């Protein structure tokens, strides 16, 4: 097994076929603490499919380690979501990056 420093880490756009994985990851206890309850699979599809299909301004990426999807990174501009509370950013042109990893403890 490769050491963490030797791991082959890449990113790719999240795809429709990743939604079952995302649903699983969102249901893991260590992810729920930060991301909240996932809801049903249909709810996850309803929430993330518009971004996957570029109908929403959030960019979603799968984190790949050794070619295997192990997490999610999402990025967006605060200005694209006017309902974001002002205490969450310094300037409306700020961006945000959120990440989740499928395992609480990893031996990547």
C-alpha atoms as a PDB file:
ATOM      1  CA  UNK A   1       0.000   0.000   0.000  1.00  0.00           C
ATOM      2  CA  UNK A   2       1.260   3.471  -0.885  1.00  0.00           C
ATOM      3  CA  UNK A   3       2.151   5.930   1.816  1.00  0.00           C
ATOM      4  CA  UNK A   4      -0.052   9.010   2.001  1.00  0.00           C
ATOM      5  CA  UNK A   5       2.690  11.170   0.522  1.00  0.00           C
ATOM      6  CA  UNK A   6       2.871   8.749  -2.444  1.00  0.00           C
ATOM      7  CA  UNK A   7      -0.889   8.713  -3.070  1.00  0.00           C
ATOM      8  CA  UNK A   8      -2.081   9.556  -6.561  1.00  0.00           C
ATOM      9  CA  UNK A   9      -4.647  12.336  -5.894  1.00  0.00           C
ATOM     10  CA  UNK A  10      -6.730  13.893  -8.662  1.00  0.00           C
ATOM     11  CA  UNK A  11     -10.027  15.710  -9.094  1.00  0.00           C
ATOM     12  CA  UNK A  12     -12.712  15.361 -11.744  1.00  0.00           C
ATOM     13  CA  UNK A  13     -16.147  16.849 -12.225  1.00  0.00           C
ATOM     14  CA  UNK A  14     -18.828  15.030 -10.273  1.00  0.00           C
ATOM     15  CA  UNK A  15     -21.035  12.941 -12.562  1.00  0.00           C
ATOM     16  CA  UNK A  16     -24.603  11.660 -12.317  1.00  0.00           C
ATOM     17  CA  UNK A  17     -23.197   8.174 -11.677  1.00  0.00           C
ATOM     18  CA  UNK A  18     -21.516   9.494  -8.498  1.00  0.00           C
ATOM     19  CA  UNK A  19     -24.822  10.371  -6.826  1.00  0.00           C
ATOM     20  CA  UNK A  20     -25.215   6.978  -5.065  1.00  0.00           C
ATOM     21  CA  UNK A  21     -21.689   7.407  -3.616  1.00  0.00           C
ATOM     22  CA  UNK A  22     -22.466  10.964  -2.562  1.00  0.00           C
ATOM     23  CA  UNK A  23     -25.660   9.793  -0.864  1.00  0.00           C
ATOM     24  CA  UNK A  24     -23.635   7.196   1.041  1.00  0.00           C
ATOM     25  CA  UNK A  25     -20.947   9.696   2.057  1.00  0.00           C
ATOM     26  CA  UNK A  26     -23.516  12.237   3.252  1.00  0.00           C
ATOM     27  CA  UNK A  27     -25.008   9.581   5.513  1.00  0.00           C
ATOM     28  CA  UNK A  28     -21.758   8.887   7.362  1.00  0.00           C
ATOM     29  CA  UNK A  29     -21.666  10.177  10.907  1.00  0.00           C
ATOM     30  CA  UNK A  30     -18.488  12.236  10.558  1.00  0.00           C
ATOM     31  CA  UNK A  31     -19.921  13.949   7.469  1.00  0.00           C
ATOM     32  CA  UNK A  32     -23.386  14.561   8.980  1.00  0.00           C
ATOM     33  CA  UNK A  33     -21.771  16.505  11.836  1.00  0.00           C
ATOM     34  CA  UNK A  34     -20.720  19.175   9.316  1.00  0.00           C
ATOM     35  CA  UNK A  35     -23.086  18.755   6.367  1.00  0.00           C
ATOM     36  CA  UNK A  36     -26.334  17.923   8.174  1.00  0.00           C
ATOM     37  CA  UNK A  37     -28.800  15.166   7.410  1.00  0.00           C
ATOM     38  CA  UNK A  38     -28.667  13.815   3.872  1.00  0.00           C
ATOM     39  CA  UNK A  39     -32.286  12.883   3.482  1.00  0.00           C
ATOM     40  CA  UNK A  40     -33.433  10.378   0.897  1.00  0.00           C
ATOM     41  CA  UNK A  41     -31.537   9.508  -2.264  1.00  0.00           C
ATOM     42  CA  UNK A  42     -34.135  11.503  -4.215  1.00  0.00           C
ATOM     43  CA  UNK A  43     -33.418  14.541  -2.029  1.00  0.00           C
ATOM     44  CA  UNK A  44     -29.670  14.242  -2.716  1.00  0.00           C
ATOM     45  CA  UNK A  45     -30.396  14.025  -6.460  1.00  0.00           C
ATOM     46  CA  UNK A  46     -32.720  17.029  -6.244  1.00  0.00           C
ATOM     47  CA  UNK A  47     -30.051  19.052  -4.430  1.00  0.00           C
ATOM     48  CA  UNK A  48     -26.918  18.121  -6.413  1.00  0.00           C
ATOM     49  CA  UNK A  49     -28.129  17.265  -9.936  1.00  0.00           C
ATOM     50  CA  UNK A  50     -28.655  20.914 -10.974  1.00  0.00           C
ATOM     51  CA  UNK A  51     -24.987  21.651 -10.240  1.00  0.00           C
ATOM     52  CA  UNK A  52     -23.823  18.476 -12.006  1.00  0.00           C
ATOM     53  CA  UNK A  53     -25.845  19.539 -15.063  1.00  0.00           C
ATOM     54  CA  UNK A  54     -24.469  23.126 -14.814  1.00  0.00           C
ATOM     55  CA  UNK A  55     -27.918  24.584 -14.074  1.00  0.00           C
ATOM     56  CA  UNK A  56     -26.599  25.896 -10.729  1.00  0.00           C
ATOM     57  CA  UNK A  57     -23.402  27.939 -10.270  1.00  0.00           C
ATOM     58  CA  UNK A  58     -21.772  25.493  -7.816  1.00  0.00           C
ATOM     59  CA  UNK A  59     -18.874  23.403  -9.142  1.00  0.00           C
ATOM     60  CA  UNK A  60     -18.698  19.842  -7.804  1.00  0.00           C
ATOM     61  CA  UNK A  61     -15.595  17.656  -8.003  1.00  0.00           C
ATOM     62  CA  UNK A  62     -14.900  14.078  -6.973  1.00  0.00           C
ATOM     63  CA  UNK A  63     -11.663  13.587  -5.041  1.00  0.00           C
ATOM     64  CA  UNK A  64      -9.876  10.580  -6.511  1.00  0.00           C
ATOM     65  CA  UNK A  65      -7.122   8.646  -4.770  1.00  0.00           C
ATOM     66  CA  UNK A  66      -5.564   5.942  -6.864  1.00  0.00           C
ATOM     67  CA  UNK A  67      -8.439   6.347  -9.332  1.00  0.00           C
ATOM     68  CA  UNK A  68     -11.093   5.695  -6.662  1.00  0.00           C
ATOM     69  CA  UNK A  69     -13.610   8.379  -5.624  1.00  0.00           C
ATOM     70  CA  UNK A  70     -13.108   9.109  -1.911  1.00  0.00           C
ATOM     71  CA  UNK A  71     -14.741  12.494  -1.412  1.00  0.00           C
ATOM     72  CA  UNK A  72     -16.265  15.682  -2.736  1.00  0.00           C
ATOM     73  CA  UNK A  73     -15.123  19.265  -3.170  1.00  0.00           C
ATOM     74  CA  UNK A  74     -17.657  21.964  -3.955  1.00  0.00           C
ATOM     75  CA  UNK A  75     -16.836  25.552  -4.848  1.00  0.00           C
ATOM     76  CA  UNK A  76     -18.983  28.597  -5.511  1.00  0.00           C
ATOM     77  CA  UNK A  77     -19.006  32.389  -5.396  1.00  0.00           C
ATOM     78  CA  UNK A  78     -20.938  33.918  -2.527  1.00  0.00           C
ATOM     79  CA  UNK A  79     -22.460  36.468  -4.934  1.00  0.00           C
ATOM     80  CA  UNK A  80     -24.191  33.600  -6.757  1.00  0.00           C
ATOM     81  CA  UNK A  81     -26.199  32.863  -3.602  1.00  0.00           C
ATOM     82  CA  UNK A  82     -27.658  36.163  -2.307  1.00  0.00           C
ATOM     83  CA  UNK A  83     -29.292  34.400   0.650  1.00  0.00           C
ATOM     84  CA  UNK A  84     -25.853  33.657   2.169  1.00  0.00           C
ATOM     85  CA  UNK A  85     -25.717  35.444   5.543  1.00  0.00           C
ATOM     86  CA  UNK A  86     -23.258  38.377   5.477  1.00  0.00           C
ATOM     87  CA  UNK A  87     -21.324  37.001   8.459  1.00  0.00           C
ATOM     88  CA  UNK A  88     -20.178  34.108   6.212  1.00  0.00           C
ATOM     89  CA  UNK A  89     -17.949  36.268   4.002  1.00  0.00           C
ATOM     90  CA  UNK A  90     -15.923  39.472   3.892  1.00  0.00           C
ATOM     91  CA  UNK A  91     -16.901  40.543   0.392  1.00  0.00           C
ATOM     92  CA  UNK A  92     -19.699  39.371  -1.949  1.00  0.00           C
ATOM     93  CA  UNK A  93     -17.048  38.442  -4.542  1.00  0.00           C
ATOM     94  CA  UNK A  94     -15.567  35.885  -2.099  1.00  0.00           C
ATOM     95  CA  UNK A  95     -15.698  32.229  -2.984  1.00  0.00           C
ATOM     96  CA  UNK A  96     -16.218  29.238  -0.737  1.00  0.00           C
ATOM     97  CA  UNK A  97     -14.776  25.748  -0.862  1.00  0.00           C
ATOM     98  CA  UNK A  98     -16.279  22.827   1.057  1.00  0.00           C
ATOM     99  CA  UNK A  99     -14.909  19.297   1.143  1.00  0.00           C
ATOM    100  CA  UNK A 100     -15.938  15.939   2.533  1.00  0.00           C
ATOM    101  CA  UNK A 101     -14.044  12.675   2.681  1.00  0.00           C
ATOM    102  CA  UNK A 102     -15.873   9.357   2.870  1.00  0.00           C
ATOM    103  CA  UNK A 103     -13.847   7.885   5.735  1.00  0.00           C
ATOM    104  CA  UNK A 104     -13.536   9.255   9.236  1.00  0.00           C
ATOM    105  CA  UNK A 105     -10.093   7.715   9.618  1.00  0.00           C
ATOM    106  CA  UNK A 106      -8.192   7.039   6.483  1.00  0.00           C
ATOM    107  CA  UNK A 107      -5.277   4.854   5.547  1.00  0.00           C
ATOM    108  CA  UNK A 108      -4.980   6.331   2.076  1.00  0.00           C
END
